């Protein structure tokens, strides 16, 4: 996103405390909308992973930690320990 808007102002907030003047600046007529150029991401891939039912919840968590930093999104349902878990 910063590549499209190098002059974009970023405000760091805590506990959702947004200053009203920040919102007012978004509606300012002086803000010029720049065209965005989009291209298809050819690196985007998807994979389905089948997990052994013998795996514990702890083992699943450790397995996901191995690749979480290099992954855009992980989601699905996993049956472990006689329960169905939603992973997101």
C-alpha atoms as a PDB file:
ATOM      1  CA  UNK A   1       0.000   0.000   0.000  1.00  0.00           C
ATOM      2  CA  UNK A   2       2.801   2.426   0.769  1.00  0.00           C
ATOM      3  CA  UNK A   3       4.138   1.893  -2.755  1.00  0.00           C
ATOM      4  CA  UNK A   4       0.967   3.488  -4.098  1.00  0.00           C
ATOM      5  CA  UNK A   5       0.920   6.296  -1.541  1.00  0.00           C
ATOM      6  CA  UNK A   6       4.463   7.204  -0.465  1.00  0.00           C
ATOM      7  CA  UNK A   7       3.176  10.367   1.279  1.00  0.00           C
ATOM      8  CA  UNK A   8       0.573   8.437   3.296  1.00  0.00           C
ATOM      9  CA  UNK A   9       0.416   9.408   6.971  1.00  0.00           C
ATOM     10  CA  UNK A  10       0.292   6.496   9.414  1.00  0.00           C
ATOM     11  CA  UNK A  11      -1.028   7.049  12.934  1.00  0.00           C
ATOM     12  CA  UNK A  12      -0.182   4.546  15.661  1.00  0.00           C
ATOM     13  CA  UNK A  13      -3.071   4.039  18.066  1.00  0.00           C
ATOM     14  CA  UNK A  14      -3.694   2.191  21.291  1.00  0.00           C
ATOM     15  CA  UNK A  15      -6.989   0.652  22.392  1.00  0.00           C
ATOM     16  CA  UNK A  16      -8.821   1.976  19.320  1.00  0.00           C
ATOM     17  CA  UNK A  17      -8.387   5.624  20.299  1.00  0.00           C
ATOM     18  CA  UNK A  18      -8.754   7.468  16.997  1.00  0.00           C
ATOM     19  CA  UNK A  19      -8.589  11.249  16.990  1.00  0.00           C
ATOM     20  CA  UNK A  20     -11.514  12.987  15.224  1.00  0.00           C
ATOM     21  CA  UNK A  21      -9.136  15.176  13.188  1.00  0.00           C
ATOM     22  CA  UNK A  22      -7.680  12.034  11.592  1.00  0.00           C
ATOM     23  CA  UNK A  23     -11.128  11.088  10.315  1.00  0.00           C
ATOM     24  CA  UNK A  24     -11.782  14.656   9.151  1.00  0.00           C
ATOM     25  CA  UNK A  25      -8.550  14.536   7.112  1.00  0.00           C
ATOM     26  CA  UNK A  26      -9.878  11.474   5.248  1.00  0.00           C
ATOM     27  CA  UNK A  27     -12.850  13.501   3.981  1.00  0.00           C
ATOM     28  CA  UNK A  28     -10.739  16.501   3.061  1.00  0.00           C
ATOM     29  CA  UNK A  29     -11.294  17.628  -0.566  1.00  0.00           C
ATOM     30  CA  UNK A  30      -7.566  18.412  -0.815  1.00  0.00           C
ATOM     31  CA  UNK A  31      -6.741  14.717  -0.687  1.00  0.00           C
ATOM     32  CA  UNK A  32      -6.014  13.667  -4.235  1.00  0.00           C
ATOM     33  CA  UNK A  33      -6.959  10.134  -5.213  1.00  0.00           C
ATOM     34  CA  UNK A  34      -4.166   8.500  -7.173  1.00  0.00           C
ATOM     35  CA  UNK A  35      -4.823   5.676  -9.620  1.00  0.00           C
ATOM     36  CA  UNK A  36      -3.838   2.229  -8.423  1.00  0.00           C
ATOM     37  CA  UNK A  37      -2.097  -0.215 -10.653  1.00  0.00           C
ATOM     38  CA  UNK A  38      -2.861  -3.835  -9.898  1.00  0.00           C
ATOM     39  CA  UNK A  39      -1.311  -6.949 -11.289  1.00  0.00           C
ATOM     40  CA  UNK A  40      -1.983 -10.591 -10.710  1.00  0.00           C
ATOM     41  CA  UNK A  41       0.135 -12.132  -7.968  1.00  0.00           C
ATOM     42  CA  UNK A  42       1.616 -15.213  -9.610  1.00  0.00           C
ATOM     43  CA  UNK A  43       3.217 -16.262  -6.325  1.00  0.00           C
ATOM     44  CA  UNK A  44      -0.163 -16.784  -4.653  1.00  0.00           C
ATOM     45  CA  UNK A  45      -0.658 -20.486  -4.034  1.00  0.00           C
ATOM     46  CA  UNK A  46      -3.026 -22.632  -2.067  1.00  0.00           C
ATOM     47  CA  UNK A  47      -2.611 -26.024  -0.513  1.00  0.00           C
ATOM     48  CA  UNK A  48      -4.774 -28.459   1.405  1.00  0.00           C
ATOM     49  CA  UNK A  49      -3.006 -30.285   4.200  1.00  0.00           C
ATOM     50  CA  UNK A  50      -4.439 -33.431   5.722  1.00  0.00           C
ATOM     51  CA  UNK A  51      -3.643 -33.711   9.435  1.00  0.00           C
ATOM     52  CA  UNK A  52      -3.400 -37.057  11.231  1.00  0.00           C
ATOM     53  CA  UNK A  53      -6.181 -37.553  13.777  1.00  0.00           C
ATOM     54  CA  UNK A  54      -3.516 -38.871  16.170  1.00  0.00           C
ATOM     55  CA  UNK A  55      -1.927 -35.388  16.318  1.00  0.00           C
ATOM     56  CA  UNK A  56      -2.518 -33.420  19.516  1.00  0.00           C
ATOM     57  CA  UNK A  57      -3.681 -29.819  19.566  1.00  0.00           C
ATOM     58  CA  UNK A  58      -0.239 -28.794  20.844  1.00  0.00           C
ATOM     59  CA  UNK A  59       1.447 -30.592  17.933  1.00  0.00           C
ATOM     60  CA  UNK A  60      -0.885 -28.830  15.491  1.00  0.00           C
ATOM     61  CA  UNK A  61       0.000 -25.456  16.981  1.00  0.00           C
ATOM     62  CA  UNK A  62       3.725 -26.220  16.693  1.00  0.00           C
ATOM     63  CA  UNK A  63       3.265 -27.421  13.110  1.00  0.00           C
ATOM     64  CA  UNK A  64       1.471 -24.205  12.097  1.00  0.00           C
ATOM     65  CA  UNK A  65       4.154 -22.075  13.795  1.00  0.00           C
ATOM     66  CA  UNK A  66       6.732 -23.561  11.411  1.00  0.00           C
ATOM     67  CA  UNK A  67       5.243 -21.742   8.408  1.00  0.00           C
ATOM     68  CA  UNK A  68       2.918 -19.049   9.794  1.00  0.00           C
ATOM     69  CA  UNK A  69       5.336 -16.174   9.044  1.00  0.00           C
ATOM     70  CA  UNK A  70       5.531 -17.130   5.349  1.00  0.00           C
ATOM     71  CA  UNK A  71       1.791 -17.642   4.930  1.00  0.00           C
ATOM     72  CA  UNK A  72      -0.857 -15.099   3.978  1.00  0.00           C
ATOM     73  CA  UNK A  73      -3.783 -17.021   5.443  1.00  0.00           C
ATOM     74  CA  UNK A  74      -4.424 -20.340   7.125  1.00  0.00           C
ATOM     75  CA  UNK A  75      -7.976 -21.545   7.625  1.00  0.00           C
ATOM     76  CA  UNK A  76      -9.988 -24.704   7.832  1.00  0.00           C
ATOM     77  CA  UNK A  77     -11.472 -27.324  10.101  1.00  0.00           C
ATOM     78  CA  UNK A  78      -9.346 -29.899  11.900  1.00  0.00           C
ATOM     79  CA  UNK A  79     -10.618 -32.949  13.782  1.00  0.00           C
ATOM     80  CA  UNK A  80      -8.382 -33.635  16.796  1.00  0.00           C
ATOM     81  CA  UNK A  81      -8.957 -35.215  20.184  1.00  0.00           C
ATOM     82  CA  UNK A  82     -12.573 -36.081  19.307  1.00  0.00           C
ATOM     83  CA  UNK A  83     -13.349 -32.399  18.641  1.00  0.00           C
ATOM     84  CA  UNK A  84     -13.591 -30.256  15.534  1.00  0.00           C
ATOM     85  CA  UNK A  85     -11.415 -27.151  15.644  1.00  0.00           C
ATOM     86  CA  UNK A  86     -11.650 -24.136  13.357  1.00  0.00           C
ATOM     87  CA  UNK A  87      -8.203 -22.887  12.369  1.00  0.00           C
ATOM     88  CA  UNK A  88      -7.987 -19.273  11.171  1.00  0.00           C
END
